[in-house]
Amino acid sequence: MQLNDRLQTLVSYAAVVIGVVLGASGVVRGGSLFIAVGTAGIALKSRKFRSIEFYLPLAIAIALFALAIALPRGR
């Protein structure tokens, strides 16, 4: 169980870092999707804590995912 939590944490933080790098390099939609997935992974890890510590980051991740999908292609 502890290994799964640690692996989930590492994968989530890696997704956030990849998202920031992609966003800084100009791939905003892909970066937003990676950040949303990483944030959701971090939020799911804290589901045994109080509800605001679980639902607020999860809601932000869902909103960011929806915003990334709704972004127009800027070419």
C-alpha atoms as a PDB file:
ATOM      1  CA  MET A   1       0.000   0.000   0.000  1.00  0.00           C
ATOM      2  CA  GLN A   2       2.777   2.415   0.847  1.00  0.00           C
ATOM      3  CA  LEU A   3       4.542   1.611  -2.436  1.00  0.00           C
ATOM      4  CA  ASN A   4       1.358   2.351  -4.395  1.00  0.00           C
ATOM      5  CA  ASP A   5       0.949   5.712  -2.642  1.00  0.00           C
ATOM      6  CA  ARG A   6       4.565   6.605  -3.291  1.00  0.00           C
ATOM      7  CA  LEU A   7       4.301   5.557  -6.938  1.00  0.00           C
ATOM      8  CA  GLN A   8       1.095   7.562  -7.376  1.00  0.00           C
ATOM      9  CA  THR A   9       2.776  10.591  -5.829  1.00  0.00           C
ATOM     10  CA  LEU A  10       5.825  10.304  -8.080  1.00  0.00           C
ATOM     11  CA  VAL A  11       3.725   9.841 -11.220  1.00  0.00           C
ATOM     12  CA  SER A  12       1.494  12.769 -10.283  1.00  0.00           C
ATOM     13  CA  TYR A  13       4.401  15.118  -9.622  1.00  0.00           C
ATOM     14  CA  ALA A  14       6.077  13.967 -12.833  1.00  0.00           C
ATOM     15  CA  ALA A  15       2.895  14.730 -14.776  1.00  0.00           C
ATOM     16  CA  VAL A  16       2.751  18.222 -13.275  1.00  0.00           C
ATOM     17  CA  VAL A  17       6.402  18.881 -14.137  1.00  0.00           C
ATOM     18  CA  ILE A  18       5.898  17.614 -17.697  1.00  0.00           C
ATOM     19  CA  GLY A  19       2.825  19.835 -17.974  1.00  0.00           C
ATOM     20  CA  VAL A  20       4.720  22.912 -16.835  1.00  0.00           C
ATOM     21  CA  VAL A  21       7.542  22.197 -19.280  1.00  0.00           C
ATOM     22  CA  LEU A  22       5.093  21.651 -22.144  1.00  0.00           C
ATOM     23  CA  GLY A  23       3.195  24.812 -21.260  1.00  0.00           C
ATOM     24  CA  ALA A  24       6.366  26.879 -21.119  1.00  0.00           C
ATOM     25  CA  SER A  25       7.489  25.548 -24.486  1.00  0.00           C
ATOM     26  CA  GLY A  26       4.232  26.532 -26.185  1.00  0.00           C
ATOM     27  CA  VAL A  27       2.122  23.366 -26.083  1.00  0.00           C
ATOM     28  CA  VAL A  28      -0.511  24.887 -23.808  1.00  0.00           C
ATOM     29  CA  ARG A  29      -3.274  22.340 -24.353  1.00  0.00           C
ATOM     30  CA  GLY A  30      -1.030  19.350 -23.691  1.00  0.00           C
ATOM     31  CA  GLY A  31       0.548  21.068 -20.706  1.00  0.00           C
ATOM     32  CA  SER A  32      -2.857  21.809 -19.214  1.00  0.00           C
ATOM     33  CA  LEU A  33      -3.936  18.206 -19.646  1.00  0.00           C
ATOM     34  CA  PHE A  34      -0.813  16.907 -17.917  1.00  0.00           C
ATOM     35  CA  ILE A  35      -1.228  19.387 -15.057  1.00  0.00           C
ATOM     36  CA  ALA A  36      -4.890  18.405 -14.660  1.00  0.00           C
ATOM     37  CA  VAL A  37      -4.054  14.691 -14.511  1.00  0.00           C
ATOM     38  CA  GLY A  38      -1.237  15.308 -12.039  1.00  0.00           C
ATOM     39  CA  THR A  39      -3.436  17.452  -9.820  1.00  0.00           C
ATOM     40  CA  ALA A  40      -6.175  14.832  -9.861  1.00  0.00           C
ATOM     41  CA  GLY A  41      -3.648  12.167  -8.861  1.00  0.00           C
ATOM     42  CA  ILE A  42      -2.448  14.271  -5.949  1.00  0.00           C
ATOM     43  CA  ALA A  43      -6.044  14.969  -4.894  1.00  0.00           C
ATOM     44  CA  LEU A  44      -7.007  11.290  -5.037  1.00  0.00           C
ATOM     45  CA  LYS A  45      -4.153  10.490  -2.701  1.00  0.00           C
ATOM     46  CA  SER A  46      -5.672  12.745  -0.028  1.00  0.00           C
ATOM     47  CA  ARG A  47      -9.196  11.285  -0.097  1.00  0.00           C
ATOM     48  CA  LYS A  48      -8.851   9.925   3.444  1.00  0.00           C
ATOM     49  CA  PHE A  49      -8.413  13.456   4.827  1.00  0.00           C
ATOM     50  CA  ARG A  50     -11.102  16.069   5.279  1.00  0.00           C
ATOM     51  CA  SER A  51     -13.464  16.686   2.418  1.00  0.00           C
ATOM     52  CA  ILE A  52     -12.258  20.173   1.410  1.00  0.00           C
ATOM     53  CA  GLU A  53      -8.709  18.874   0.985  1.00  0.00           C
ATOM     54  CA  PHE A  54     -10.051  16.284  -1.434  1.00  0.00           C
ATOM     55  CA  TYR A  55     -12.875  17.989  -3.319  1.00  0.00           C
ATOM     56  CA  LEU A  56     -11.336  21.405  -3.989  1.00  0.00           C
ATOM     57  CA  PRO A  57      -8.191  20.168  -5.810  1.00  0.00           C
ATOM     58  CA  LEU A  58     -10.270  17.569  -7.630  1.00  0.00           C
ATOM     59  CA  ALA A  59     -12.732  20.250  -8.772  1.00  0.00           C
ATOM     60  CA  ILE A  60      -9.844  22.451  -9.925  1.00  0.00           C
ATOM     61  CA  ALA A  61      -8.348  19.523 -11.861  1.00  0.00           C
ATOM     62  CA  ILE A  62     -11.673  18.776 -13.561  1.00  0.00           C
ATOM     63  CA  ALA A  63     -12.150  22.448 -14.449  1.00  0.00           C
ATOM     64  CA  LEU A  64      -8.617  22.670 -15.855  1.00  0.00           C
ATOM     65  CA  PHE A  65      -9.191  19.510 -17.900  1.00  0.00           C
ATOM     66  CA  ALA A  66     -12.436  20.919 -19.320  1.00  0.00           C
ATOM     67  CA  LEU A  67     -10.739  24.240 -20.087  1.00  0.00           C
ATOM     68  CA  ALA A  68      -7.863  22.486 -21.849  1.00  0.00           C
ATOM     69  CA  ILE A  69     -10.301  20.552 -24.029  1.00  0.00           C
ATOM     70  CA  ALA A  70     -12.226  23.747 -24.833  1.00  0.00           C
ATOM     71  CA  LEU A  71      -9.136  25.734 -25.863  1.00  0.00           C
ATOM     72  CA  PRO A  72      -9.121  26.647 -29.533  1.00  0.00           C
ATOM     73  CA  ARG A  73      -6.240  25.663 -31.721  1.00  0.00           C
ATOM     74  CA  GLY A  74      -4.076  28.755 -32.084  1.00  0.00           C
ATOM     75  CA  ARG A  75      -2.313  28.394 -35.401  1.00  0.00           C
END
